C-alpha cells in the first residue's frame, strides 16, 4: 500500500487507496472499477456482487445502497 484515505460520516464510510497491485497479482495497467448495486441491467455490477459492512452496527449487514 502506498496511500489510503478513510472518511466516516453519519451517512457513509469511504475507503480509497493506492496499492502496488502487481504485488497482489493484479495487472499493473488494470484500472479497476467499483461495486455497483444496480448496473446497466439492474442486476448489479459485477453480476451477483454483494457488499457487507459492519461500519455502523458492529455486525455485518448487507448494504443495499452505497450512500444515502
C-alpha atoms as a PDB file:
ATOM      1  CA  UNK A   1       0.000   0.000   0.000  1.00  0.00           C
ATOM      2  CA  UNK A   2       1.324   3.409  -0.859  1.00  0.00           C
ATOM      3  CA  UNK A   3      -1.554   5.501   0.466  1.00  0.00           C
ATOM      4  CA  UNK A   4      -5.017   5.291   1.999  1.00  0.00           C
ATOM      5  CA  UNK A   5      -7.829   7.704   2.824  1.00  0.00           C
ATOM      6  CA  UNK A   6     -10.612   6.902   5.302  1.00  0.00           C
ATOM      7  CA  UNK A   7     -13.739   9.038   5.716  1.00  0.00           C
ATOM      8  CA  UNK A   8     -16.676   8.214   8.005  1.00  0.00           C
ATOM      9  CA  UNK A   9     -19.817  10.346   8.260  1.00  0.00           C
ATOM     10  CA  UNK A  10     -23.253   9.543   9.724  1.00  0.00           C
ATOM     11  CA  UNK A  11     -24.369   8.581   6.192  1.00  0.00           C
ATOM     12  CA  UNK A  12     -21.407   6.709   4.714  1.00  0.00           C
ATOM     13  CA  UNK A  13     -17.925   5.260   5.035  1.00  0.00           C
ATOM     14  CA  UNK A  14     -15.412   5.713   2.227  1.00  0.00           C
ATOM     15  CA  UNK A  15     -12.059   3.992   1.955  1.00  0.00           C
ATOM     16  CA  UNK A  16      -9.834   4.679  -1.017  1.00  0.00           C
ATOM     17  CA  UNK A  17      -6.264   3.694  -1.512  1.00  0.00           C
ATOM     18  CA  UNK A  18      -3.327   3.354  -3.830  1.00  0.00           C
ATOM     19  CA  UNK A  19      -1.600  -0.008  -3.899  1.00  0.00           C
ATOM     20  CA  UNK A  20       1.180  -1.714  -5.789  1.00  0.00           C
ATOM     21  CA  UNK A  21      -1.363  -4.013  -7.364  1.00  0.00           C
ATOM     22  CA  UNK A  22       1.128  -6.075  -9.338  1.00  0.00           C
ATOM     23  CA  UNK A  23       2.333  -7.364  -5.951  1.00  0.00           C
ATOM     24  CA  UNK A  24      -1.069  -8.986  -5.351  1.00  0.00           C
ATOM     25  CA  UNK A  25      -1.416 -10.499  -8.833  1.00  0.00           C
ATOM     26  CA  UNK A  26      -3.437  -7.694 -10.433  1.00  0.00           C
ATOM     27  CA  UNK A  27      -2.031  -6.390 -13.700  1.00  0.00           C
ATOM     28  CA  UNK A  28      -0.227  -3.077 -13.255  1.00  0.00           C
ATOM     29  CA  UNK A  29      -2.345  -1.471 -16.013  1.00  0.00           C
ATOM     30  CA  UNK A  30      -5.707  -2.697 -14.621  1.00  0.00           C
ATOM     31  CA  UNK A  31      -7.551   0.487 -13.622  1.00  0.00           C
ATOM     32  CA  UNK A  32     -10.247  -1.469 -11.785  1.00  0.00           C
ATOM     33  CA  UNK A  33     -13.833  -0.498 -11.217  1.00  0.00           C
ATOM     34  CA  UNK A  34     -16.371  -0.317  -8.459  1.00  0.00           C
ATOM     35  CA  UNK A  35     -19.188  -2.282  -6.917  1.00  0.00           C
ATOM     36  CA  UNK A  36     -22.484  -1.034  -8.343  1.00  0.00           C
ATOM     37  CA  UNK A  37     -25.734  -2.134  -6.683  1.00  0.00           C
ATOM     38  CA  UNK A  38     -27.710  -1.569  -9.885  1.00  0.00           C
ATOM     39  CA  UNK A  39     -25.578  -1.854 -13.042  1.00  0.00           C
ATOM     40  CA  UNK A  40     -26.839  -1.187 -16.526  1.00  0.00           C
ATOM     41  CA  UNK A  41     -29.388  -4.017 -16.280  1.00  0.00           C
ATOM     42  CA  UNK A  42     -30.344  -3.546 -12.593  1.00  0.00           C
ATOM     43  CA  UNK A  43     -28.682  -6.862 -11.661  1.00  0.00           C
ATOM     44  CA  UNK A  44     -25.592  -5.318 -10.104  1.00  0.00           C
ATOM     45  CA  UNK A  45     -22.018  -4.991 -11.280  1.00  0.00           C
ATOM     46  CA  UNK A  46     -20.333  -7.388 -11.097  1.00  0.00           C
ATOM     47  CA  UNK A  47     -23.334  -9.703 -11.507  1.00  0.00           C
ATOM     48  CA  UNK A  48     -24.294 -11.153  -8.149  1.00  0.00           C
ATOM     49  CA  UNK A  49     -21.908  -8.846  -6.266  1.00  0.00           C
ATOM     50  CA  UNK A  50     -22.912  -8.237  -2.645  1.00  0.00           C
ATOM     51  CA  UNK A  51     -21.471  -5.778  -0.165  1.00  0.00           C
ATOM     52  CA  UNK A  52     -21.497  -6.223   3.605  1.00  0.00           C
ATOM     53  CA  UNK A  53     -20.308  -3.752   6.235  1.00  0.00           C
ATOM     54  CA  UNK A  54     -20.119  -3.552   9.998  1.00  0.00           C
ATOM     55  CA  UNK A  55     -19.172   0.135   9.975  1.00  0.00           C
ATOM     56  CA  UNK A  56     -22.389   1.353  11.606  1.00  0.00           C
ATOM     57  CA  UNK A  57     -23.773  -1.517  13.696  1.00  0.00           C
ATOM     58  CA  UNK A  58     -20.713  -3.540  14.673  1.00  0.00           C
ATOM     59  CA  UNK A  59     -22.300  -6.559  12.951  1.00  0.00           C
ATOM     60  CA  UNK A  60     -22.101  -7.432   9.273  1.00  0.00           C
ATOM     61  CA  UNK A  61     -25.188  -6.143   7.470  1.00  0.00           C
ATOM     62  CA  UNK A  62     -25.758  -6.223   3.716  1.00  0.00           C
ATOM     63  CA  UNK A  63     -25.550  -2.737   2.201  1.00  0.00           C
ATOM     64  CA  UNK A  64     -28.325  -2.423  -0.369  1.00  0.00           C
ATOM     65  CA  UNK A  65     -27.353   1.125  -1.375  1.00  0.00           C
ATOM     66  CA  UNK A  66     -23.861   2.560  -1.074  1.00  0.00           C
ATOM     67  CA  UNK A  67     -24.908   6.021   0.148  1.00  0.00           C
ATOM     68  CA  UNK A  68     -27.930   7.998   1.281  1.00  0.00           C
END
